[in-house]
Amino acid sequence: MLEQVRQVCNNFGAVFFDAVGYEGFSDGYANLTVPDKFRETWLNSHYGDLLRKLFSQVLGSDFIDYKIRLLEPSEKPVENGAARPELQVARPVAKPVVKPVARRFPRLKLYSNYTFENFVEGESNSTALRACEAVVENPGDKGLNPLLIYGASGLGKTHLLQSIAARLLSTKRNCRIVYRQAYDFLRECCAIYDALRLKKFDEANELEAKFEECYKQCDVLLIDDLQLLESGVKTQKRLAALIRKFRDENKQVVLTCDRHPSSFKRLEEGMKPQKNSPIPYLSANLLTNIGDCVAIGLAEPDINTRMGLIRKKSQDIPFASKDREEICRFLSMPPRANVRLIEGILNWLKAMHTLNGVELDLDCVKQLLYSPKNEMAAFTVKNISETVAMTFNTDLTSLSSNRQDKAASLPRKVAMFLCRELTSESLENVGKFFNRDYATVIAAIKSLTCQMDKDEALARKVKDIRYMLES
């Protein structure tokens, strides 16, 4: 039987299978033997599908799967029930087997502030947060295994992944957790492949044993930035095998990625990825194993989330007490793609205070972030009106039309008011843009001022639009 496998293998595979024995077929299982754990893992990850295919062809519908038994040091591999001579390859004298000393599971390297308590929840991330908290409560639950959190850089994927590890460490002390950046996982696997390629079998065996101890004995596997495995097809196969094993044993897997699995190109067996492809590839093997995962996306932070982030992350920045809330509001108004941009602005303001001793009131923050020389040039009647129209969900045509309904008249008044506040244009020129005369502009501004005195929500909205323009 194994001769058929050898015929389709390369030279290394043929040598590899000389150490694999066949002990017959019983109860639906083909029984194989190998001399060490390294060969067991290598056989499963590289030849498992081929073995199942050939066994099914030979043994028919009675075949269920194959089993592997580790040989004792004194045993020899068996083929078809008879002892086979071992391949005569020069090898170092076998060292006596020493029982490994029990040791603690490797210490996790986590950021101390990446916890659920420090994660700012908002509409853009609440579903992902709830899913991660559920994983901690019941790791291995089939409804959330594997769990994949995806989204652009800086939205909190790593924060959530490390929060899972931190909470498990504090609440389930016997839980064995492995947290890895995908690149580190790739590097560990490549070290094994390189040792094999150079025929350093003892080194490969040692590396494989460490891999087995680390990954296959853990209870929760956390892999960050899955897309970084694009260049390692063999490593993807190994991860796919791990995911299958974890699911079969009801152990939890949580992955993060910069996109949904369906957004990758599928690399079938034997295919080569296109160079410089704008869409990255993942192997069909790995995509199959994460195809039915629970995938939850993180979106850009909305204004409420941005406001919460700035409040929380600026607690140690000495903003003027009277202006603190308005500063947070001002900083949260422009849409920002991710949390890191917000953190960068806050760190810069803190550095300006520390290095230059400036008092961080609202006016100072505006001056630090936005140059006064460019301010007047940046504000035009047109861009102010466009921002107002967008905020009120209307268009410029409505603002300059003869319509007098509230949906057109209110944003028109706001645009006129802000044009007077932020530009040096005469009221006559402002009126021309909206097809109105000078007196109508004055009346509109007075009317809006009275409305804002009575309506706090309207006053807040106008101030927020001004913050958006100033930022």
Protein backbone atom coordinates (compact mmCIF):
# COMPACT_ATOMS: atom_id res chain seq x y z
CA MET A 1 0.00 0.00 0.00
CA LEU A 2 2.68 2.51 1.00
CA GLU A 3 4.57 1.75 -2.21
CA GLN A 4 1.81 3.58 -4.11
CA VAL A 5 2.39 6.63 -1.92
CA ARG A 6 6.15 6.51 -2.50
CA GLN A 7 5.62 6.52 -6.26
CA VAL A 8 4.00 9.97 -6.19
CA CYS A 9 6.46 11.51 -3.69
CA ASN A 10 9.66 13.44 -4.33
CA ASN A 11 13.01 12.05 -3.14
CA PHE A 12 12.59 13.43 0.37
CA GLY A 13 9.07 11.98 0.61
CA ALA A 14 10.30 8.54 -0.48
CA VAL A 15 12.99 8.58 2.22
CA PHE A 16 10.44 9.82 4.72
CA PHE A 17 8.05 6.91 4.03
CA ASP A 18 10.78 4.32 4.53
CA ALA A 19 10.32 4.98 8.26
CA VAL A 20 6.51 4.59 8.09
CA GLY A 21 5.05 1.15 8.74
CA TYR A 22 1.67 -0.44 7.94
CA GLU A 23 0.12 -2.81 10.50
CA GLY A 24 -3.02 -3.72 8.62
CA PHE A 25 -6.70 -2.71 8.44
CA SER A 26 -9.18 -3.18 11.27
CA ASP A 27 -12.54 -1.69 12.30
CA GLY A 28 -12.45 0.73 9.36
CA TYR A 29 -9.02 2.13 10.17
CA ALA A 30 -5.70 1.69 8.38
CA ASN A 31 -3.03 1.34 11.07
CA LEU A 32 0.30 3.06 10.48
CA THR A 33 3.43 3.39 12.64
CA VAL A 34 6.10 6.06 12.81
CA PRO A 35 9.23 6.27 14.97
CA ASP A 36 8.71 9.82 16.36
CA LYS A 37 6.27 12.70 16.79
CA PHE A 38 7.97 14.74 14.09
CA ARG A 39 7.11 12.20 11.39
CA GLU A 40 3.58 11.87 12.74
CA THR A 41 3.00 15.62 12.38
CA TRP A 42 4.70 15.80 8.99
CA LEU A 43 2.68 12.86 7.67
CA ASN A 44 -0.63 14.37 8.83
CA SER A 45 0.08 17.85 7.48
CA HIS A 46 1.69 16.91 4.13
CA TYR A 47 0.38 13.47 3.15
CA GLY A 48 -2.89 13.07 5.06
CA ASP A 49 -5.17 13.84 2.10
CA LEU A 50 -3.13 11.62 -0.25
CA LEU A 51 -3.24 8.69 2.19
CA ARG A 52 -6.99 8.97 2.63
CA LYS A 53 -7.50 9.06 -1.13
CA LEU A 54 -5.35 5.98 -1.81
CA PHE A 55 -6.70 4.01 1.16
CA SER A 56 -10.25 4.72 -0.04
CA GLN A 57 -9.38 3.43 -3.51
CA VAL A 58 -7.81 0.23 -2.18
CA LEU A 59 -10.02 -0.53 0.82
CA GLY A 60 -13.33 0.74 -0.53
CA SER A 61 -16.32 1.99 1.45
CA ASP A 62 -15.23 0.18 4.64
CA PHE A 63 -12.38 2.68 5.06
CA ILE A 64 -13.05 5.41 7.67
CA ASP A 65 -9.63 6.93 8.29
CA TYR A 66 -6.07 6.05 9.26
CA LYS A 67 -4.49 5.86 12.71
CA ILE A 68 -0.85 6.43 13.66
CA ARG A 69 1.00 4.65 16.48
CA LEU A 70 4.35 5.80 17.81
CA LEU A 71 6.88 2.95 17.89
CA GLU A 72 8.82 2.11 20.99
CA PRO A 73 12.60 2.63 20.57
CA SER A 74 13.18 -1.13 20.19
CA GLU A 75 10.51 -1.66 17.53
CA LYS A 76 10.90 -1.57 13.76
CA PRO A 77 8.31 -0.36 11.25
CA VAL A 78 6.07 -3.07 9.77
CA GLU A 79 4.76 -3.24 6.18
CA ASN A 80 1.95 -5.72 5.41
CA GLY A 81 2.57 -7.51 8.72
CA ALA A 82 6.30 -8.21 8.15
CA ALA A 83 9.35 -6.45 9.52
CA ARG A 84 10.95 -4.08 6.98
CA PRO A 85 14.65 -3.35 6.93
CA GLU A 86 15.31 0.27 7.91
CA LEU A 87 16.81 2.60 5.31
CA GLN A 88 20.60 2.62 5.74
CA VAL A 89 21.28 6.28 6.35
CA ALA A 90 24.20 7.41 8.44
CA ARG A 91 22.75 8.79 11.66
CA PRO A 92 24.26 9.83 14.97
CA VAL A 93 24.07 7.34 17.82
CA ALA A 94 20.66 7.60 19.46
CA LYS A 95 20.73 9.34 22.80
CA PRO A 96 18.96 7.72 25.74
CA VAL A 97 15.36 8.87 26.09
CA VAL A 98 15.05 11.26 29.00
CA LYS A 99 11.63 12.12 30.36
CA PRO A 100 11.14 15.88 29.93
CA VAL A 101 10.88 17.92 33.08
CA ALA A 102 7.44 19.45 33.52
CA ARG A 103 7.53 23.19 33.10
CA ARG A 104 5.10 26.07 33.04
CA PHE A 105 3.48 27.10 29.78
CA PRO A 106 5.34 29.96 28.05
CA ARG A 107 4.65 33.41 29.47
CA LEU A 108 2.53 35.62 27.24
CA LYS A 109 3.89 38.94 26.05
CA LEU A 110 0.93 41.30 26.33
CA TYR A 111 0.48 45.06 26.50
CA SER A 112 -0.69 45.95 30.00
CA ASN A 113 -3.28 48.46 28.77
CA TYR A 114 -4.83 46.10 26.18
CA THR A 115 -7.72 44.89 28.33
CA PHE A 116 -11.50 44.86 28.03
CA GLU A 117 -11.64 47.55 30.71
CA ASN A 118 -9.57 49.92 28.55
CA PHE A 119 -11.43 49.16 25.32
CA VAL A 120 -13.77 52.00 24.32
CA GLU A 121 -17.01 50.55 23.03
CA GLY A 122 -19.05 52.22 20.29
CA GLU A 123 -21.45 51.39 17.51
CA SER A 124 -18.53 50.51 15.23
CA ASN A 125 -17.11 47.77 17.49
CA SER A 126 -19.74 46.64 20.00
CA THR A 127 -20.58 43.36 18.22
CA ALA A 128 -16.92 42.33 18.08
CA LEU A 129 -16.48 43.23 21.75
CA ARG A 130 -19.50 41.15 22.80
CA ALA A 131 -18.21 38.17 20.79
CA CYS A 132 -14.77 38.33 22.42
CA GLU A 133 -16.30 38.56 25.89
CA ALA A 134 -18.47 35.53 25.08
CA VAL A 135 -15.37 33.56 24.06
CA VAL A 136 -13.82 34.26 27.47
CA GLU A 137 -16.98 33.10 29.25
CA ASN A 138 -17.17 29.83 27.31
CA PRO A 139 -13.99 29.08 25.31
CA GLY A 140 -14.52 26.37 22.71
CA ASP A 141 -18.23 27.07 22.22
CA LYS A 142 -19.00 25.76 18.73
CA GLY A 143 -21.10 28.84 17.99
CA LEU A 144 -17.97 31.05 18.14
CA ASN A 145 -15.18 28.72 17.08
CA PRO A 146 -13.19 29.80 15.26
CA LEU A 147 -13.90 33.50 15.76
CA LEU A 148 -12.35 35.94 13.27
CA ILE A 149 -12.20 39.70 13.89
CA TYR A 150 -11.41 41.68 10.74
CA GLY A 151 -10.90 45.32 9.83
CA ALA A 152 -8.35 47.90 8.75
CA SER A 153 -5.23 48.65 10.75
CA GLY A 154 -5.67 50.62 13.98
CA LEU A 155 -9.31 49.75 14.71
CA GLY A 156 -8.65 47.57 17.78
CA LYS A 157 -8.15 43.99 16.56
CA THR A 158 -4.96 43.43 18.54
CA HIS A 159 -6.48 45.14 21.57
CA LEU A 160 -9.42 42.71 21.54
CA LEU A 161 -7.23 39.65 20.98
CA GLN A 162 -4.93 40.54 23.86
CA SER A 163 -7.94 41.39 26.02
CA ILE A 164 -9.13 37.80 25.60
CA ALA A 165 -5.75 36.53 26.78
CA ALA A 166 -5.58 38.94 29.71
CA ARG A 167 -9.07 38.06 30.96
CA LEU A 168 -8.48 34.31 30.62
CA LEU A 169 -5.24 34.59 32.56
CA SER A 170 -7.05 36.29 35.42
CA THR A 171 -10.21 34.17 35.48
CA LYS A 172 -9.11 30.71 34.26
CA ARG A 173 -5.63 30.21 35.67
CA ASN A 174 -5.26 26.66 34.35
CA CYS A 175 -6.11 27.69 30.80
CA ARG A 176 -3.09 27.32 28.49
CA ILE A 177 -3.01 30.16 25.98
CA VAL A 178 -0.83 30.79 22.94
CA TYR A 179 -0.85 34.30 21.46
CA ARG A 180 1.17 34.85 18.28
CA GLN A 181 1.57 37.43 15.58
CA ALA A 182 1.09 35.54 12.32
CA TYR A 183 4.59 36.51 11.25
CA ASP A 184 6.08 34.82 14.34
CA PHE A 185 4.04 31.69 13.60
CA LEU A 186 5.37 31.75 10.02
CA ARG A 187 8.94 32.12 11.25
CA GLU A 188 8.61 29.16 13.63
CA CYS A 189 7.27 26.92 10.86
CA CYS A 190 9.92 28.05 8.36
CA ALA A 191 12.65 27.14 10.85
CA ILE A 192 11.39 23.52 10.77
CA TYR A 193 11.18 23.47 6.96
CA ASP A 194 14.69 24.94 6.63
CA ALA A 195 16.15 22.30 8.95
CA LEU A 196 14.51 19.56 6.87
CA ARG A 197 15.70 21.08 3.60
CA LEU A 198 19.26 21.05 4.94
CA LYS A 199 18.75 17.48 6.24
CA LYS A 200 19.37 18.55 9.84
CA PHE A 201 16.99 15.93 11.14
CA ASP A 202 17.91 16.21 14.81
CA GLU A 203 17.37 19.97 14.72
CA ALA A 204 14.08 19.52 12.87
CA ASN A 205 12.98 16.95 15.42
CA GLU A 206 13.79 19.30 18.28
CA LEU A 207 11.98 22.23 16.65
CA GLU A 208 8.98 20.04 15.90
CA ALA A 209 8.86 18.85 19.51
CA LYS A 210 8.85 22.45 20.72
CA PHE A 211 6.10 23.30 18.26
CA GLU A 212 4.02 20.34 19.44
CA GLU A 213 4.51 21.27 23.09
CA CYS A 214 3.59 24.90 22.48
CA TYR A 215 0.64 24.66 20.11
CA LYS A 216 -0.99 21.27 20.39
CA GLN A 217 -1.05 21.28 24.18
CA CYS A 218 -2.67 24.68 24.55
CA ASP A 219 -6.38 25.33 25.14
CA VAL A 220 -6.80 28.68 23.36
CA LEU A 221 -4.98 29.73 20.19
CA LEU A 222 -4.86 33.43 19.29
CA ILE A 223 -3.29 34.38 15.92
CA ASP A 224 -3.01 38.08 15.00
CA ASP A 225 -2.86 39.47 11.42
CA LEU A 226 -3.64 36.31 9.45
CA GLN A 227 -2.97 38.07 6.13
CA LEU A 228 0.78 38.00 6.89
CA LEU A 229 0.78 34.25 6.11
CA GLU A 230 0.21 34.96 2.40
CA SER A 231 3.77 33.98 1.49
CA GLY A 232 3.77 30.71 3.45
CA VAL A 233 1.56 28.12 1.80
CA LYS A 234 3.03 25.24 3.84
CA THR A 235 2.54 27.23 7.02
CA GLN A 236 -1.08 27.85 6.05
CA LYS A 237 -1.59 24.08 5.75
CA ARG A 238 -0.12 23.62 9.19
CA LEU A 239 -2.40 26.27 10.66
CA ALA A 240 -5.39 24.69 8.93
CA ALA A 241 -4.53 21.35 10.56
CA LEU A 242 -4.27 23.07 13.94
CA ILE A 243 -7.66 24.71 13.49
CA ARG A 244 -9.24 21.34 12.62
CA LYS A 245 -7.63 19.74 15.66
CA PHE A 246 -8.76 22.53 17.99
CA ARG A 247 -12.33 22.38 16.74
CA ASP A 248 -12.45 18.60 17.09
CA GLU A 249 -11.23 18.91 20.69
CA ASN A 250 -13.55 21.85 21.50
CA LYS A 251 -10.60 24.18 22.00
CA GLN A 252 -10.92 27.83 21.09
CA VAL A 253 -9.31 29.56 18.09
CA VAL A 254 -9.50 33.34 17.59
CA LEU A 255 -7.96 34.99 14.53
CA THR A 256 -7.65 38.57 13.33
CA CYS A 257 -7.22 39.74 9.75
CA ASP A 258 -7.30 42.95 7.75
CA ARG A 259 -10.22 41.70 5.63
CA HIS A 260 -13.06 39.18 5.48
CA PRO A 261 -11.96 35.67 4.34
CA SER A 262 -14.13 36.03 1.23
CA SER A 263 -11.95 38.99 0.14
CA PHE A 264 -8.88 36.78 -0.46
CA LYS A 265 -8.08 35.05 -3.72
CA ARG A 266 -8.25 31.30 -3.35
CA LEU A 267 -4.98 29.50 -4.11
CA GLU A 268 -5.79 25.95 -5.17
CA GLU A 269 -3.33 23.07 -4.75
CA GLY A 270 -0.54 23.34 -7.30
CA MET A 271 -1.35 26.92 -8.29
CA LYS A 272 1.13 29.77 -8.03
CA PRO A 273 -0.04 33.21 -6.89
CA GLN A 274 0.11 36.09 -9.33
CA LYS A 275 2.94 38.50 -8.64
CA ASN A 276 1.94 42.02 -7.55
CA SER A 277 -1.71 41.01 -7.27
CA PRO A 278 -3.77 43.77 -5.62
CA ILE A 279 -5.81 41.09 -3.85
CA PRO A 280 -3.77 38.78 -1.57
CA TYR A 281 -3.96 34.98 -1.77
CA LEU A 282 -4.62 32.37 0.89
CA SER A 283 -4.52 28.64 0.24
CA ALA A 284 -7.76 26.80 -0.42
CA ASN A 285 -6.81 24.54 2.49
CA LEU A 286 -6.81 27.39 5.02
CA LEU A 287 -9.80 29.20 3.51
CA THR A 288 -11.83 25.99 3.70
CA ASN A 289 -11.09 25.72 7.40
CA ILE A 290 -12.08 29.31 8.17
CA GLY A 291 -14.85 29.53 5.59
CA ASP A 292 -17.57 28.82 8.16
CA CYS A 293 -15.99 30.80 10.98
CA VAL A 294 -17.84 33.60 12.76
CA ALA A 295 -16.36 36.70 11.07
CA ILE A 296 -17.13 40.07 12.68
CA GLY A 297 -15.91 43.37 11.27
CA LEU A 298 -14.64 46.52 12.93
CA ALA A 299 -15.62 49.80 11.26
CA GLU A 300 -14.11 53.28 11.46
CA PRO A 301 -15.02 54.88 14.80
CA ASP A 302 -18.19 57.00 14.65
CA ILE A 303 -18.37 60.35 16.42
CA ASN A 304 -19.60 58.91 19.72
CA THR A 305 -16.80 56.35 19.74
CA ARG A 306 -14.24 59.02 18.84
CA MET A 307 -15.54 61.21 21.66
CA GLY A 308 -15.30 58.34 24.15
CA LEU A 309 -11.79 57.46 22.99
CA ILE A 310 -10.57 61.04 23.33
CA ARG A 311 -12.11 61.46 26.78
CA LYS A 312 -10.50 58.26 28.00
CA LYS A 313 -7.09 58.67 26.40
CA SER A 314 -6.72 62.36 27.31
CA GLN A 315 -7.22 61.93 31.05
CA ASP A 316 -3.52 62.53 31.73
CA ILE A 317 -3.30 65.54 29.38
CA PRO A 318 -3.66 68.87 31.26
CA PHE A 319 -6.39 70.44 29.15
CA ALA A 320 -7.84 73.60 30.70
CA SER A 321 -10.63 72.45 33.02
CA LYS A 322 -13.15 74.97 31.66
CA ASP A 323 -12.50 73.82 28.07
CA ARG A 324 -11.86 70.08 28.52
CA GLU A 325 -15.23 68.89 27.21
CA GLU A 326 -15.18 71.33 24.28
CA ILE A 327 -11.61 70.31 23.38
CA CYS A 328 -12.66 66.66 23.34
CA ARG A 329 -15.62 67.60 21.17
CA PHE A 330 -13.47 69.64 18.82
CA LEU A 331 -10.93 66.82 18.42
CA SER A 332 -13.65 64.25 17.79
CA MET A 333 -15.45 66.13 15.00
CA PRO A 334 -13.32 65.26 11.94
CA PRO A 335 -13.83 61.62 10.86
CA ARG A 336 -10.58 59.77 11.55
CA ALA A 337 -9.82 56.39 10.00
CA ASN A 338 -8.54 54.69 13.13
CA VAL A 339 -7.63 54.90 16.79
CA ARG A 340 -3.93 55.39 16.13
CA LEU A 341 -4.54 58.72 14.39
CA ILE A 342 -6.44 59.93 17.45
CA GLU A 343 -3.68 58.71 19.78
CA GLY A 344 -1.07 60.44 17.60
CA ILE A 345 -2.84 63.81 17.90
CA LEU A 346 -3.21 63.47 21.67
CA ASN A 347 0.44 62.48 22.09
CA TRP A 348 1.52 65.49 20.03
CA LEU A 349 -0.57 67.90 22.13
CA LYS A 350 0.87 66.42 25.31
CA ALA A 351 4.40 66.83 23.94
CA MET A 352 3.71 70.49 23.04
CA HIS A 353 2.62 71.15 26.61
CA THR A 354 5.62 69.31 28.11
CA LEU A 355 8.25 70.83 25.81
CA ASN A 356 6.89 74.37 25.42
CA GLY A 357 4.82 74.85 28.56
CA VAL A 358 1.75 76.00 26.63
CA GLU A 359 -1.63 76.12 28.35
CA LEU A 360 -3.92 73.74 26.50
CA ASP A 361 -7.17 75.70 26.34
CA LEU A 362 -9.52 75.45 23.34
CA ASP A 363 -8.00 78.37 21.42
CA CYS A 364 -4.47 77.05 21.97
CA VAL A 365 -5.41 73.54 20.76
CA LYS A 366 -6.93 75.01 17.61
CA GLN A 367 -3.80 77.08 16.96
CA LEU A 368 -1.48 74.13 17.57
CA LEU A 369 -3.34 71.83 15.22
CA TYR A 370 -4.29 74.24 12.47
CA SER A 371 -2.11 77.09 11.18
CA PRO A 372 -3.77 80.56 11.50
CA LYS A 373 -2.00 81.69 8.28
CA ASN A 374 -3.93 79.17 6.20
CA GLU A 375 -7.22 79.47 8.04
CA MET A 376 -8.76 82.35 6.07
CA ALA A 377 -7.55 80.90 2.77
CA ALA A 378 -9.10 77.52 3.61
CA PHE A 379 -12.56 78.90 4.33
CA THR A 380 -14.65 79.84 1.31
CA VAL A 381 -18.35 80.40 0.92
CA LYS A 382 -18.48 77.28 -1.25
CA ASN A 383 -16.70 74.81 1.06
CA ILE A 384 -18.62 76.10 4.08
CA SER A 385 -21.90 75.64 2.21
CA GLU A 386 -20.90 72.15 1.04
CA THR A 387 -20.13 71.08 4.62
CA VAL A 388 -23.43 72.49 5.90
CA ALA A 389 -25.38 70.83 3.08
CA MET A 390 -23.73 67.46 3.81
CA THR A 391 -24.48 67.76 7.55
CA PHE A 392 -28.16 68.54 6.88
CA ASN A 393 -28.37 65.85 4.20
CA THR A 394 -29.22 68.26 1.39
CA ASP A 395 -27.34 69.83 -1.57
CA LEU A 396 -26.02 73.19 -2.73
CA THR A 397 -28.82 73.58 -5.26
CA SER A 398 -31.40 73.62 -2.47
CA LEU A 399 -29.47 76.26 -0.53
CA SER A 400 -29.45 78.66 -3.49
CA SER A 401 -33.01 77.90 -4.64
CA ASN A 402 -36.22 79.78 -3.86
CA ARG A 403 -37.43 77.04 -1.53
CA GLN A 404 -38.59 78.33 1.86
CA ASP A 405 -39.36 75.04 3.65
CA LYS A 406 -37.37 74.18 6.77
CA ALA A 407 -35.32 71.50 4.95
CA ALA A 408 -33.79 74.26 2.80
CA SER A 409 -34.14 77.46 4.84
CA LEU A 410 -32.45 76.24 8.06
CA PRO A 411 -29.22 74.98 6.45
CA ARG A 412 -29.19 78.13 4.29
CA LYS A 413 -29.29 80.29 7.45
CA VAL A 414 -26.53 78.19 9.06
CA ALA A 415 -24.33 78.51 5.96
CA MET A 416 -24.81 82.29 5.87
CA PHE A 417 -24.05 82.57 9.59
CA LEU A 418 -20.82 80.58 9.30
CA CYS A 419 -19.72 82.43 6.16
CA ARG A 420 -19.91 85.68 8.13
CA GLU A 421 -18.00 84.09 11.06
CA LEU A 422 -15.23 82.35 9.14
CA THR A 423 -14.60 84.33 5.95
CA SER A 424 -13.75 87.92 5.04
CA GLU A 425 -16.36 87.96 2.27
CA SER A 426 -18.79 90.88 2.30
CA LEU A 427 -22.41 90.13 3.07
CA GLU A 428 -23.26 91.22 -0.49
CA ASN A 429 -21.00 88.48 -1.92
CA VAL A 430 -22.38 85.92 0.52
CA GLY A 431 -25.90 86.86 -0.60
CA LYS A 432 -24.99 86.46 -4.29
CA PHE A 433 -23.88 82.87 -3.71
CA PHE A 434 -27.33 82.02 -2.31
CA ASN A 435 -29.23 84.23 -4.78
CA ARG A 436 -30.22 86.55 -1.94
CA ASP A 437 -29.69 90.26 -1.28
CA TYR A 438 -27.73 91.92 1.52
CA ALA A 439 -30.82 92.55 3.71
CA THR A 440 -31.95 88.93 3.45
CA VAL A 441 -28.54 87.70 4.67
CA ILE A 442 -28.69 90.03 7.72
CA ALA A 443 -32.22 88.87 8.51
CA ALA A 444 -31.24 85.19 8.17
CA ILE A 445 -28.28 85.59 10.54
CA LYS A 446 -30.39 87.40 13.16
CA SER A 447 -33.12 84.76 12.86
CA LEU A 448 -30.64 81.90 13.37
CA THR A 449 -29.05 83.64 16.36
CA CYS A 450 -32.44 83.88 18.05
CA GLN A 451 -33.19 80.23 17.27
CA MET A 452 -29.88 79.08 18.77
CA ASP A 453 -30.57 81.08 21.97
CA LYS A 454 -33.76 79.04 22.43
CA ASP A 455 -32.62 75.67 20.99
CA GLU A 456 -29.48 74.17 22.59
CA ALA A 457 -29.42 71.22 20.18
CA LEU A 458 -29.34 73.58 17.20
CA ALA A 459 -26.61 75.68 18.79
CA ARG A 460 -24.60 72.51 19.42
CA LYS A 461 -25.03 71.42 15.80
CA VAL A 462 -23.83 74.75 14.45
CA LYS A 463 -20.79 74.67 16.74
CA ASP A 464 -20.00 71.11 15.64
CA ILE A 465 -20.12 72.15 11.98
CA ARG A 466 -17.72 74.97 12.79
CA TYR A 467 -15.38 72.46 14.49
CA MET A 468 -15.51 70.27 11.39
CA LEU A 469 -14.56 73.23 9.21
CA GLU A 470 -11.77 74.37 11.54
CA SER A 471 -10.29 70.91 11.62
